[in-house]
PDB file of N, CA and C in Angstrom:
ATOM      1  N   MET A   1      -3.551-216.047 -99.003  1.00  0.00           N
ATOM      2  CA  MET A   1      -3.570-216.189-100.447  1.00  0.00           C
ATOM      3  C   MET A   1      -4.845-215.530-100.965  1.00  0.00           C
ATOM      4  N   ASN A   2      -4.697-214.374-101.602  1.00  0.00           N
ATOM      5  CA  ASN A   2      -5.833-213.648-102.150  1.00  0.00           C
ATOM      6  C   ASN A   2      -6.125-214.114-103.558  1.00  0.00           C
ATOM      7  N   CYS A   3      -7.401-214.123-103.895  1.00  0.00           N
ATOM      8  CA  CYS A   3      -7.793-214.476-105.259  1.00  0.00           C
ATOM      9  C   CYS A   3      -7.379-213.354-106.198  1.00  0.00           C
ATOM     10  N   ASN A   4      -6.692-213.695-107.290  1.00  0.00           N
ATOM     11  CA  ASN A   4      -6.286-212.668-108.246  1.00  0.00           C
ATOM     12  C   ASN A   4      -6.512-213.100-109.698  1.00  0.00           C
ATOM     13  N   ILE A   5      -7.375-214.100-109.897  1.00  0.00           N
ATOM     14  CA  ILE A   5      -7.673-214.581-111.251  1.00  0.00           C
ATOM     15  C   ILE A   5      -9.159-214.393-111.518  1.00  0.00           C
ATOM     16  N   GLY A   6      -9.475-213.708-112.602  1.00  0.00           N
ATOM     17  CA  GLY A   6     -10.855-213.475-112.992  1.00  0.00           C
ATOM     18  C   GLY A   6     -11.428-214.618-113.800  1.00  0.00           C
ATOM     19  N   SER A   7     -12.697-214.502-114.164  1.00  0.00           N
ATOM     20  CA  SER A   7     -13.393-215.598-114.846  1.00  0.00           C
ATOM     21  C   SER A   7     -12.843-215.851-116.249  1.00  0.00           C
ATOM     22  N   LEU A   8     -12.545-214.806-117.009  1.00  0.00           N
ATOM     23  CA  LEU A   8     -11.983-215.008-118.346  1.00  0.00           C
ATOM     24  C   LEU A   8     -10.592-215.628-118.255  1.00  0.00           C
ATOM     25  N   ASP A   9      -9.836-215.178-117.282  1.00  0.00           N
ATOM     26  CA  ASP A   9      -8.494-215.717-117.057  1.00  0.00           C
ATOM     27  C   ASP A   9      -8.568-217.208-116.726  1.00  0.00           C
ATOM     28  N   LYS A  10      -9.562-217.621-115.936  1.00  0.00           N
ATOM     29  CA  LYS A  10      -9.738-219.032-115.597  1.00  0.00           C
ATOM     30  C   LYS A  10      -9.984-219.875-116.845  1.00  0.00           C
ATOM     31  N   VAL A  11     -10.880-219.391-117.691  1.00  0.00           N
ATOM     32  CA  VAL A  11     -11.224-220.134-118.905  1.00  0.00           C
ATOM     33  C   VAL A  11      -9.996-220.271-119.812  1.00  0.00           C
ATOM     34  N   LEU A  12      -9.247-219.182-119.967  1.00  0.00           N
ATOM     35  CA  LEU A  12      -8.056-219.226-120.813  1.00  0.00           C
ATOM     36  C   LEU A  12      -6.997-220.164-120.240  1.00  0.00           C
ATOM     37  N   ARG A  13      -6.801-220.135-118.931  1.00  0.00           N
ATOM     38  CA  ARG A  13      -5.810-221.004-118.293  1.00  0.00           C
ATOM     39  C   ARG A  13      -6.182-222.471-118.457  1.00  0.00           C
ATOM     40  N   ARG A  14      -7.445-222.789-118.255  1.00  0.00           N
ATOM     41  CA  ARG A  14      -7.872-224.181-118.393  1.00  0.00           C
ATOM     42  C   ARG A  14      -7.732-224.652-119.830  1.00  0.00           C
ATOM     43  N   SER A  15      -8.072-223.793-120.781  1.00  0.00           N
ATOM     44  CA  SER A  15      -7.955-224.158-122.193  1.00  0.00           C
ATOM     45  C   SER A  15      -6.496-224.374-122.590  1.00  0.00           C
ATOM     46  N   VAL A  16      -5.633-223.452-122.200  1.00  0.00           N
ATOM     47  CA  VAL A  16      -4.212-223.568-122.523  1.00  0.00           C
ATOM     48  C   VAL A  16      -3.613-224.799-121.852  1.00  0.00           C
ATOM     49  N   GLY A  17      -4.011-225.055-120.609  1.00  0.00           N
ATOM     50  CA  GLY A  17      -3.517-226.234-119.901  1.00  0.00           C
ATOM     51  C   GLY A  17      -3.907-227.521-120.606  1.00  0.00           C
ATOM     52  N   LEU A  18      -5.153-227.603-121.061  1.00  0.00           N
ATOM     53  CA  LEU A  18      -5.596-228.794-121.779  1.00  0.00           C
ATOM     54  C   LEU A  18      -4.879-228.955-123.112  1.00  0.00           C
ATOM     55  N   ILE A  19      -4.611-227.846-123.780  1.00  0.00           N
ATOM     56  CA  ILE A  19      -3.877-227.903-125.047  1.00  0.00           C
ATOM     57  C   ILE A  19      -2.455-228.411-124.810  1.00  0.00           C
ATOM     58  N   ILE A  20      -1.802-227.909-123.771  1.00  0.00           N
ATOM     59  CA  ILE A  20      -0.430-228.351-123.470  1.00  0.00           C
ATOM     60  C   ILE A  20      -0.409-229.834-123.116  1.00  0.00           C
ATOM     61  N   ILE A  21      -1.381-230.283-122.324  1.00  0.00           N
ATOM     62  CA  ILE A  21      -1.457-231.704-121.976  1.00  0.00           C
ATOM     63  C   ILE A  21      -1.710-232.540-123.230  1.00  0.00           C
ATOM     64  N   GLY A  22      -2.600-232.060-124.089  1.00  0.00           N
ATOM     65  CA  GLY A  22      -2.879-232.770-125.343  1.00  0.00           C
ATOM     66  C   GLY A  22      -1.653-232.877-126.230  1.00  0.00           C
ATOM     67  N   LEU A  23      -0.884-231.791-126.316  1.00  0.00           N
ATOM     68  CA  LEU A  23       0.351-231.831-127.111  1.00  0.00           C
ATOM     69  C   LEU A  23       1.372-232.782-126.487  1.00  0.00           C
ATOM     70  N   GLY A  24       1.382-232.863-125.168  1.00  0.00           N
ATOM     71  CA  GLY A  24       2.269-233.798-124.490  1.00  0.00           C
ATOM     72  C   GLY A  24       1.926-235.238-124.835  1.00  0.00           C
ATOM     73  N   PHE A  25       0.624-235.533-124.880  1.00  0.00           N
ATOM     74  CA  PHE A  25       0.209-236.879-125.285  1.00  0.00           C
ATOM     75  C   PHE A  25       0.543-237.136-126.744  1.00  0.00           C
ATOM     76  N   TYR A  26       0.279-236.156-127.585  1.00  0.00           N
ATOM     77  CA  TYR A  26       0.507-236.329-129.027  1.00  0.00           C
ATOM     78  C   TYR A  26       1.982-236.592-129.334  1.00  0.00           C
ATOM     79  N   TYR A  27       2.859-235.801-128.703  1.00  0.00           N
ATOM     80  CA  TYR A  27       4.292-235.954-128.945  1.00  0.00           C
ATOM     81  C   TYR A  27       4.950-236.939-127.968  1.00  0.00           C
ATOM     82  N   GLN A  28       4.145-237.577-127.136  1.00  0.00           N
ATOM     83  CA  GLN A  28       4.618-238.548-126.159  1.00  0.00           C
ATOM     84  C   GLN A  28       5.775-237.978-125.332  1.00  0.00           C
ATOM     85  N   SER A  29       5.499-236.824-124.731  1.00  0.00           N
ATOM     86  CA  SER A  29       6.510-236.110-123.962  1.00  0.00           C
ATOM     87  C   SER A  29       5.991-235.831-122.554  1.00  0.00           C
ATOM     88  N   TRP A  30       6.889-235.906-121.585  1.00  0.00           N
ATOM     89  CA  TRP A  30       6.546-235.586-120.210  1.00  0.00           C
ATOM     90  C   TRP A  30       6.333-234.091-120.012  1.00  0.00           C
ATOM     91  N   PHE A  31       6.732-233.277-120.970  1.00  0.00           N
ATOM     92  CA  PHE A  31       6.536-231.832-120.846  1.00  0.00           C
ATOM     93  C   PHE A  31       5.060-231.452-120.858  1.00  0.00           C
ATOM     94  N   GLY A  32       4.212-232.365-121.257  1.00  0.00           N
ATOM     95  CA  GLY A  32       2.777-232.121-121.212  1.00  0.00           C
ATOM     96  C   GLY A  32       2.255-231.938-119.798  1.00  0.00           C
ATOM     97  N   LEU A  33       3.008-232.424-118.817  1.00  0.00           N
ATOM     98  CA  LEU A  33       2.604-232.250-117.423  1.00  0.00           C
ATOM     99  C   LEU A  33       2.643-230.787-116.984  1.00  0.00           C
ATOM    100  N   ILE A  34       3.372-229.969-117.726  1.00  0.00           N
ATOM    101  CA  ILE A  34       3.408-228.529-117.426  1.00  0.00           C
ATOM    102  C   ILE A  34       2.004-227.937-117.547  1.00  0.00           C
ATOM    103  N   GLY A  35       1.169-228.543-118.365  1.00  0.00           N
ATOM    104  CA  GLY A  35      -0.203-228.079-118.537  1.00  0.00           C
ATOM    105  C   GLY A  35      -1.046-228.197-117.277  1.00  0.00           C
ATOM    106  N   LEU A  36      -0.584-228.972-116.305  1.00  0.00           N
ATOM    107  CA  LEU A  36      -1.330-229.085-115.051  1.00  0.00           C
ATOM    108  C   LEU A  36      -1.249-227.808-114.214  1.00  0.00           C
ATOM    109  N   PHE A  37      -0.149-227.075-114.334  1.00  0.00           N
ATOM    110  CA  PHE A  37       0.021-225.866-113.531  1.00  0.00           C
ATOM    111  C   PHE A  37      -1.051-224.816-113.791  1.00  0.00           C
ATOM    112  N   PRO A  38      -1.310-224.429-115.052  1.00  0.00           N
ATOM    113  CA  PRO A  38      -2.362-223.422-115.237  1.00  0.00           C
ATOM    114  C   PRO A  38      -3.742-223.927-114.822  1.00  0.00           C
ATOM    115  N   ILE A  39      -3.980-225.228-114.968  1.00  0.00           N
ATOM    116  CA  ILE A  39      -5.284-225.776-114.573  1.00  0.00           C
ATOM    117  C   ILE A  39      -5.436-225.729-113.058  1.00  0.00           C
ATOM    118  N   VAL A  40      -4.418-226.155-112.333  1.00  0.00           N
ATOM    119  CA  VAL A  40      -4.483-226.152-110.869  1.00  0.00           C
ATOM    120  C   VAL A  40      -4.622-224.734-110.338  1.00  0.00           C
ATOM    121  N   PHE A  41      -3.831-223.809-110.876  1.00  0.00           N
ATOM    122  CA  PHE A  41      -3.916-222.431-110.400  1.00  0.00           C
ATOM    123  C   PHE A  41      -5.264-221.798-110.739  1.00  0.00           C
ATOM    124  N   SER A  42      -5.890-222.209-111.831  1.00  0.00           N
ATOM    125  CA  SER A  42      -7.202-221.652-112.153  1.00  0.00           C
ATOM    126  C   SER A  42      -8.254-222.123-111.155  1.00  0.00           C
ATOM    127  N   TYR A  43      -8.116-223.328-110.633  1.00  0.00           N
ATOM    128  CA  TYR A  43      -9.056-223.797-109.611  1.00  0.00           C
ATOM    129  C   TYR A  43      -8.775-223.175-108.252  1.00  0.00           C
ATOM    130  N   TRP A  44      -7.533-222.800-107.985  1.00  0.00           N
ATOM    131  CA  TRP A  44      -7.180-222.113-106.741  1.00  0.00           C
ATOM    132  C   TRP A  44      -7.517-220.634-106.801  1.00  0.00           C
ATOM    133  N   ASN A  45      -7.809-220.109-107.990  1.00  0.00           N
ATOM    134  CA  ASN A  45      -8.074-218.674-108.199  1.00  0.00           C
ATOM    135  C   ASN A  45      -6.885-217.820-107.782  1.00  0.00           C
ATOM    136  N   TYR A  46      -5.692-218.339-107.969  1.00  0.00           N
ATOM    137  CA  TYR A  46      -4.488-217.644-107.510  1.00  0.00           C
ATOM    138  C   TYR A  46      -3.333-217.916-108.466  1.00  0.00           C
ATOM    139  N   CYS A  47      -2.610-216.861-108.817  1.00  0.00           N
ATOM    140  CA  CYS A  47      -1.423-217.003-109.650  1.00  0.00           C
ATOM    141  C   CYS A  47      -0.256-216.316-108.950  1.00  0.00           C
ATOM    142  N   PRO A  48       0.751-217.080-108.517  1.00  0.00           N
ATOM    143  CA  PRO A  48       1.879-216.459-107.817  1.00  0.00           C
ATOM    144  C   PRO A  48       2.717-215.554-108.717  1.00  0.00           C
ATOM    145  N   LEU A  49       2.668-215.744-110.021  1.00  0.00           N
ATOM    146  CA  LEU A  49       3.429-214.893-110.931  1.00  0.00           C
ATOM    147  C   LEU A  49       2.824-213.495-111.064  1.00  0.00           C
ATOM    148  N   TYR A  50       1.572-213.328-110.679  1.00  0.00           N
ATOM    149  CA  TYR A  50       0.926-212.024-110.739  1.00  0.00           C
ATOM    150  C   TYR A  50       1.372-211.104-109.605  1.00  0.00           C
ATOM    151  N   ILE A  51       1.853-211.652-108.499  1.00  0.00           N
ATOM    152  CA  ILE A  51       2.186-210.864-107.312  1.00  0.00           C
ATOM    153  C   ILE A  51       3.291-209.833-107.585  1.00  0.00           C
ATOM    154  N   PRO A  52       4.457-210.218-108.163  1.00  0.00           N
ATOM    155  CA  PRO A  52       5.510-209.208-108.362  1.00  0.00           C
ATOM    156  C   PRO A  52       5.106-208.096-109.333  1.00  0.00           C
ATOM    157  N   PHE A  53       4.189-208.400-110.238  1.00  0.00           N
ATOM    158  CA  PHE A  53       3.769-207.411-111.233  1.00  0.00           C
ATOM    159  C   PHE A  53       2.495-206.680-110.827  1.00  0.00           C
ATOM    160  N   ASN A  54       1.961-207.012-109.650  1.00  0.00           N
ATOM    161  CA  ASN A  54       0.761-206.379-109.119  1.00  0.00           C
ATOM    162  C   ASN A  54      -0.411-206.461-110.097  1.00  0.00           C
ATOM    163  N   ILE A  55      -0.630-207.652-110.639  1.00  0.00           N
ATOM    164  CA  ILE A  55      -1.714-207.897-111.588  1.00  0.00           C
ATOM    165  C   ILE A  55      -2.861-208.568-110.847  1.00  0.00           C
ATOM    166  N   ASN A  56      -4.070-208.121-111.126  1.00  0.00           N
ATOM    167  CA  ASN A  56      -5.270-208.724-110.549  1.00  0.00           C
ATOM    168  C   ASN A  56      -6.352-208.679-111.612  1.00  0.00           C
ATOM    169  N   THR A  57      -6.745-209.830-112.160  1.00  0.00           N
ATOM    170  CA  THR A  57      -7.762-209.866-113.205  1.00  0.00           C
ATOM    171  C   THR A  57      -9.151-210.137-112.645  1.00  0.00           C
ATOM    172  N   LYS A  58      -9.242-210.304-111.337  1.00  0.00           N
ATOM    173  CA  LYS A  58     -10.538-210.554-110.716  1.00  0.00           C
ATOM    174  C   LYS A  58     -11.262-209.238-110.508  1.00  0.00           C
ATOM    175  N   LYS A  59     -12.511-209.199-110.905  1.00  0.00           N
ATOM    176  CA  LYS A  59     -13.329-208.005-110.733  1.00  0.00           C
ATOM    177  C   LYS A  59     -13.865-207.981-109.315  1.00  0.00           C
ATOM    178  N   GLU A  60     -13.649-206.898-108.627  1.00  0.00           N
ATOM    179  CA  GLU A  60     -14.141-206.769-107.248  1.00  0.00           C
ATOM    180  C   GLU A  60     -15.628-206.469-107.259  1.00  0.00           C
ATOM    181  N   GLU A  61     -16.298-206.856-106.192  1.00  0.00           N
ATOM    182  CA  GLU A  61     -17.729-206.595-106.084  1.00  0.00           C
ATOM    183  C   GLU A  61     -17.986-205.096-106.013  1.00  0.00           C
ATOM    184  N   GLY A  62     -18.994-204.655-106.757  1.00  0.00           N
ATOM    185  CA  GLY A  62     -19.352-203.245-106.752  1.00  0.00           C
ATOM    186  C   GLY A  62     -18.505-202.392-107.677  1.00  0.00           C
ATOM    187  N   GLU A  63     -17.593-202.992-108.371  1.00  0.00           N
ATOM    188  CA  GLU A  63     -16.722-202.225-109.283  1.00  0.00           C
ATOM    189  C   GLU A  63     -17.420-202.065-110.625  1.00  0.00           C
ATOM    190  N   ASN A  64     -17.390-200.880-111.168  1.00  0.00           N
ATOM    191  CA  ASN A  64     -18.005-200.627-112.473  1.00  0.00           C
ATOM    192  C   ASN A  64     -17.165-201.284-113.562  1.00  0.00           C
ATOM    193  N   ALA A  65     -17.851-201.750-114.587  1.00  0.00           N
ATOM    194  CA  ALA A  65     -17.147-202.433-115.680  1.00  0.00           C
ATOM    195  C   ALA A  65     -16.296-201.441-116.458  1.00  0.00           C
ATOM    196  N   GLY A  66     -14.996-201.662-116.483  1.00  0.00           N
ATOM    197  CA  GLY A  66     -14.085-200.857-117.273  1.00  0.00           C
ATOM    198  C   GLY A  66     -13.659-199.555-116.633  1.00  0.00           C
ATOM    199  N   ILE A  67     -14.176-199.215-115.475  1.00  0.00           N
ATOM    200  CA  ILE A  67     -13.806-197.955-114.825  1.00  0.00           C
ATOM    201  C   ILE A  67     -13.055-198.284-113.531  1.00  0.00           C
ATOM    202  N   ASN A  68     -11.831-197.805-113.422  1.00  0.00           N
ATOM    203  CA  ASN A  68     -11.046-198.060-112.201  1.00  0.00           C
ATOM    204  C   ASN A  68     -10.765-196.770-111.489  1.00  0.00           C
TER     205      ASN A  68
END
């Protein structure tokens, strides 16, 4: 399992996850548990949905900013 989530992606995932959980509490719905997925994956630094699309938001060491 390779890391494929960058630092900005982690922050966005955690924020969105907390918002979804908060909406679940507000509307008293079990669908708020879906918010746990982006939070858990952000701590694992891995997103399985990125694999088929070959997406990697993690910056590799020694890579210049914005130049690939």
